[in-house]
C-alpha atoms as a PDB file:
ATOM      1  CA  MET A   1      20.232 -18.916  -6.465  1.00  0.00           C
ATOM      2  CA  PRO A   2      18.085 -17.282  -9.102  1.00  0.00           C
ATOM      3  CA  PRO A   3      17.271 -13.637  -8.351  1.00  0.00           C
ATOM      4  CA  ASN A   4      13.521 -14.313  -8.167  1.00  0.00           C
ATOM      5  CA  TRP A   5      13.883 -17.192  -5.681  1.00  0.00           C
ATOM      6  CA  ASP A   6      11.926 -16.749  -2.488  1.00  0.00           C
ATOM      7  CA  ARG A   7      12.076 -19.426   0.174  1.00  0.00           C
ATOM      8  CA  ARG A   8       8.636 -18.529   1.470  1.00  0.00           C
ATOM      9  CA  ARG A   9       6.755 -18.948  -1.795  1.00  0.00           C
ATOM     10  CA  GLN A  10       8.086 -22.052  -3.408  1.00  0.00           C
ATOM     11  CA  GLY A  11       6.219 -25.044  -4.753  1.00  0.00           C
ATOM     12  CA  ASN A  12       2.976 -26.479  -3.419  1.00  0.00           C
ATOM     13  CA  ASP A  13       3.718 -25.410   0.156  1.00  0.00           C
ATOM     14  CA  ARG A  14       2.627 -21.874  -0.594  1.00  0.00           C
ATOM     15  CA  GLU A  15      -0.984 -22.696   0.267  1.00  0.00           C
ATOM     16  CA  ARG A  16      -0.126 -25.163   3.000  1.00  0.00           C
ATOM     17  CA  TYR A  17      -0.643 -23.023   6.107  1.00  0.00           C
ATOM     18  CA  PRO A  18      -2.522 -19.965   4.841  1.00  0.00           C
ATOM     19  CA  ALA A  19      -3.679 -18.723   8.254  1.00  0.00           C
ATOM     20  CA  LEU A  20      -0.193 -18.828   9.758  1.00  0.00           C
ATOM     21  CA  ARG A  21       1.274 -17.178   6.675  1.00  0.00           C
ATOM     22  CA  LEU A  22      -1.359 -14.428   6.779  1.00  0.00           C
ATOM     23  CA  TYR A  23      -0.745 -13.900  10.497  1.00  0.00           C
ATOM     24  CA  ALA A  24       3.002 -13.547   9.908  1.00  0.00           C
ATOM     25  CA  LYS A  25       2.389 -11.017   7.137  1.00  0.00           C
ATOM     26  CA  MET A  26       0.044  -9.032   9.369  1.00  0.00           C
ATOM     27  CA  ILE A  27       2.640  -8.983  12.148  1.00  0.00           C
ATOM     28  CA  ASN A  28       5.240  -7.849   9.628  1.00  0.00           C
ATOM     29  CA  LEU A  29       3.005  -4.997   8.449  1.00  0.00           C
ATOM     30  CA  THR A  30       2.317  -4.026  12.058  1.00  0.00           C
ATOM     31  CA  GLY A  31       6.048  -3.591  12.591  1.00  0.00           C
ATOM     32  CA  PHE A  32       6.348  -1.239   9.638  1.00  0.00           C
ATOM     33  CA  ALA A  33       3.218   0.666  10.673  1.00  0.00           C
ATOM     34  CA  GLY A  34       4.573   1.089  14.201  1.00  0.00           C
ATOM     35  CA  LEU A  35       7.840   2.408  12.815  1.00  0.00           C
ATOM     36  CA  VAL A  36       6.054   4.945  10.607  1.00  0.00           C
ATOM     37  CA  VAL A  37       3.780   6.074  13.448  1.00  0.00           C
ATOM     38  CA  GLY A  38       6.778   6.416  15.763  1.00  0.00           C
ATOM     39  CA  VAL A  39       8.680   8.549  13.268  1.00  0.00           C
ATOM     40  CA  ILE A  40       5.639  10.770  12.676  1.00  0.00           C
ATOM     41  CA  PHE A  41       5.109  11.120  16.423  1.00  0.00           C
ATOM     42  CA  ALA A  42       8.781  12.019  16.948  1.00  0.00           C
ATOM     43  CA  VAL A  43       8.600  14.702  14.260  1.00  0.00           C
ATOM     44  CA  LEU A  44       5.385  16.122  15.729  1.00  0.00           C
ATOM     45  CA  VAL A  45       6.896  16.237  19.222  1.00  0.00           C
ATOM     46  CA  LEU A  46      10.007  17.932  17.864  1.00  0.00           C
ATOM     47  CA  LEU A  47       8.049  20.561  15.974  1.00  0.00           C
ATOM     48  CA  PHE A  48       4.997  21.300  18.102  1.00  0.00           C
ATOM     49  CA  ALA A  49       5.663  20.422  21.756  1.00  0.00           C
ATOM     50  CA  GLU A  50       5.545  23.383  24.151  1.00  0.00           C
ATOM     51  CA  GLU A  51       8.775  22.508  25.919  1.00  0.00           C
ATOM     52  CA  PRO A  52      12.355  23.722  25.726  1.00  0.00           C
ATOM     53  CA  LEU A  53      14.273  22.579  22.670  1.00  0.00           C
ATOM     54  CA  LEU A  54      16.480  20.152  24.573  1.00  0.00           C
ATOM     55  CA  ASP A  55      13.434  18.378  26.051  1.00  0.00           C
ATOM     56  CA  ARG A  56      11.764  18.174  22.649  1.00  0.00           C
ATOM     57  CA  VAL A  57      14.871  16.615  21.129  1.00  0.00           C
ATOM     58  CA  ALA A  58      15.148  14.145  24.016  1.00  0.00           C
ATOM     59  CA  HIS A  59      11.492  13.135  23.776  1.00  0.00           C
ATOM     60  CA  SER A  60      11.741  12.779  20.004  1.00  0.00           C
ATOM     61  CA  ALA A  61      14.790  10.566  20.419  1.00  0.00           C
ATOM     62  CA  MET A  62      12.919   8.425  22.941  1.00  0.00           C
ATOM     63  CA  ALA A  63       9.983   8.094  20.541  1.00  0.00           C
ATOM     64  CA  LEU A  64      12.334   7.053  17.740  1.00  0.00           C
ATOM     65  CA  GLY A  65      14.054   4.571  20.025  1.00  0.00           C
ATOM     66  CA  ALA A  66      10.757   3.068  21.132  1.00  0.00           C
ATOM     67  CA  ALA A  67       9.555   2.814  17.528  1.00  0.00           C
ATOM     68  CA  GLY A  68      12.813   1.165  16.497  1.00  0.00           C
ATOM     69  CA  ALA A  69      12.691  -1.319  19.360  1.00  0.00           C
ATOM     70  CA  TYR A  70       9.060  -2.157  18.569  1.00  0.00           C
ATOM     71  CA  PHE A  71       9.947  -2.653  14.906  1.00  0.00           C
ATOM     72  CA  ILE A  72      12.827  -5.001  15.728  1.00  0.00           C
ATOM     73  CA  VAL A  73      10.802  -7.102  18.172  1.00  0.00           C
ATOM     74  CA  VAL A  74       7.781  -7.396  15.900  1.00  0.00           C
ATOM     75  CA  ARG A  75       9.857  -8.230  12.822  1.00  0.00           C
ATOM     76  CA  ALA A  76      11.665 -10.914  14.809  1.00  0.00           C
ATOM     77  CA  ALA A  77       8.314 -12.416  15.790  1.00  0.00           C
ATOM     78  CA  ALA A  78       7.214 -12.460  12.146  1.00  0.00           C
ATOM     79  CA  GLU A  79      10.477 -14.107  11.121  1.00  0.00           C
ATOM     80  CA  ILE A  80       9.898 -16.809  13.738  1.00  0.00           C
ATOM     81  CA  PHE A  81       6.609 -17.665  12.032  1.00  0.00           C
ATOM     82  CA  PHE A  82       8.303 -17.761   8.631  1.00  0.00           C
ATOM     83  CA  LEU A  83      11.030 -19.942  10.139  1.00  0.00           C
ATOM     84  CA  LEU A  84       8.399 -22.364  11.441  1.00  0.00           C
ATOM     85  CA  LEU A  85       6.859 -22.518   7.977  1.00  0.00           C
ATOM     86  CA  ASP A  86      10.290 -23.278   6.487  1.00  0.00           C
ATOM     87  CA  VAL A  87      10.916 -26.005   9.066  1.00  0.00           C
ATOM     88  CA  ALA A  88       7.554 -27.597   8.274  1.00  0.00           C
ATOM     89  CA  ARG A  89       8.314 -27.489   4.536  1.00  0.00           C
ATOM     90  CA  ASN A  90      11.759 -29.031   5.031  1.00  0.00           C
ATOM     91  CA  LEU A  91      10.383 -31.768   7.286  1.00  0.00           C
ATOM     92  CA  ASN A  92       7.746 -32.660   4.712  1.00  0.00           C
ATOM     93  CA  ALA A  93      10.340 -32.713   1.921  1.00  0.00           C
ATOM     94  CA  THR A  94      12.640 -34.923   3.989  1.00  0.00           C
ATOM     95  CA  ARG A  95       9.787 -37.281   4.826  1.00  0.00           C
ATOM     96  CA  ASP A  96       8.856 -37.555   1.146  1.00  0.00           C
ATOM     97  CA  LEU A  97      12.451 -38.217   0.184  1.00  0.00           C
ATOM     98  CA  VAL A  98      12.833 -40.963   2.807  1.00  0.00           C
ATOM     99  CA  GLU A  99       9.552 -42.562   1.713  1.00  0.00           C
ATOM    100  CA  LYS A 100      10.718 -42.591  -1.917  1.00  0.00           C
ATOM    101  CA  GLN A 101      14.040 -44.146  -0.953  1.00  0.00           C
ATOM    102  CA  MET A 102      12.329 -46.807   1.159  1.00  0.00           C
ATOM    103  CA  ALA A 103       9.913 -47.588  -1.662  1.00  0.00           C
ATOM    104  CA  SER A 104      12.772 -47.945  -4.162  1.00  0.00           C
ATOM    105  CA  ARG A 105      14.637 -50.278  -1.785  1.00  0.00           C
ATOM    106  CA  ARG A 106      11.528 -52.427  -1.348  1.00  0.00           C
ATOM    107  CA  GLY A 107      11.162 -52.599  -5.094  1.00  0.00           C
ATOM    108  CA  LYS A 108      14.745 -53.771  -5.575  1.00  0.00           C
ATOM    109  CA  GLN A 109      14.469 -56.448  -2.877  1.00  0.00           C
ATOM    110  CA  SER A 110      11.373 -58.058  -4.394  1.00  0.00           C
END
């Protein structure tokens, strides 16, 4: 594969489902934003909470764990949308290939 190859942005199918593609990108960005917010929150809890050190560390670890879990779940949801777009593209390509083969067979029989 060439290094600049991207399965999600190839050929005429790039503009095929723009709303679904935009929604998947927004979900993807939400995952990263949630991860960043979770890390910032964990650092703030660790530094500024008025609790014993062990409790601050535990709460920071829980915040990091929650942010990580949110990131994984949201990124998986975004990948499902990209997978659906890939399936649609492959189905259309297969349909076009079968139609071309059927047309060439009809041409040979006549």
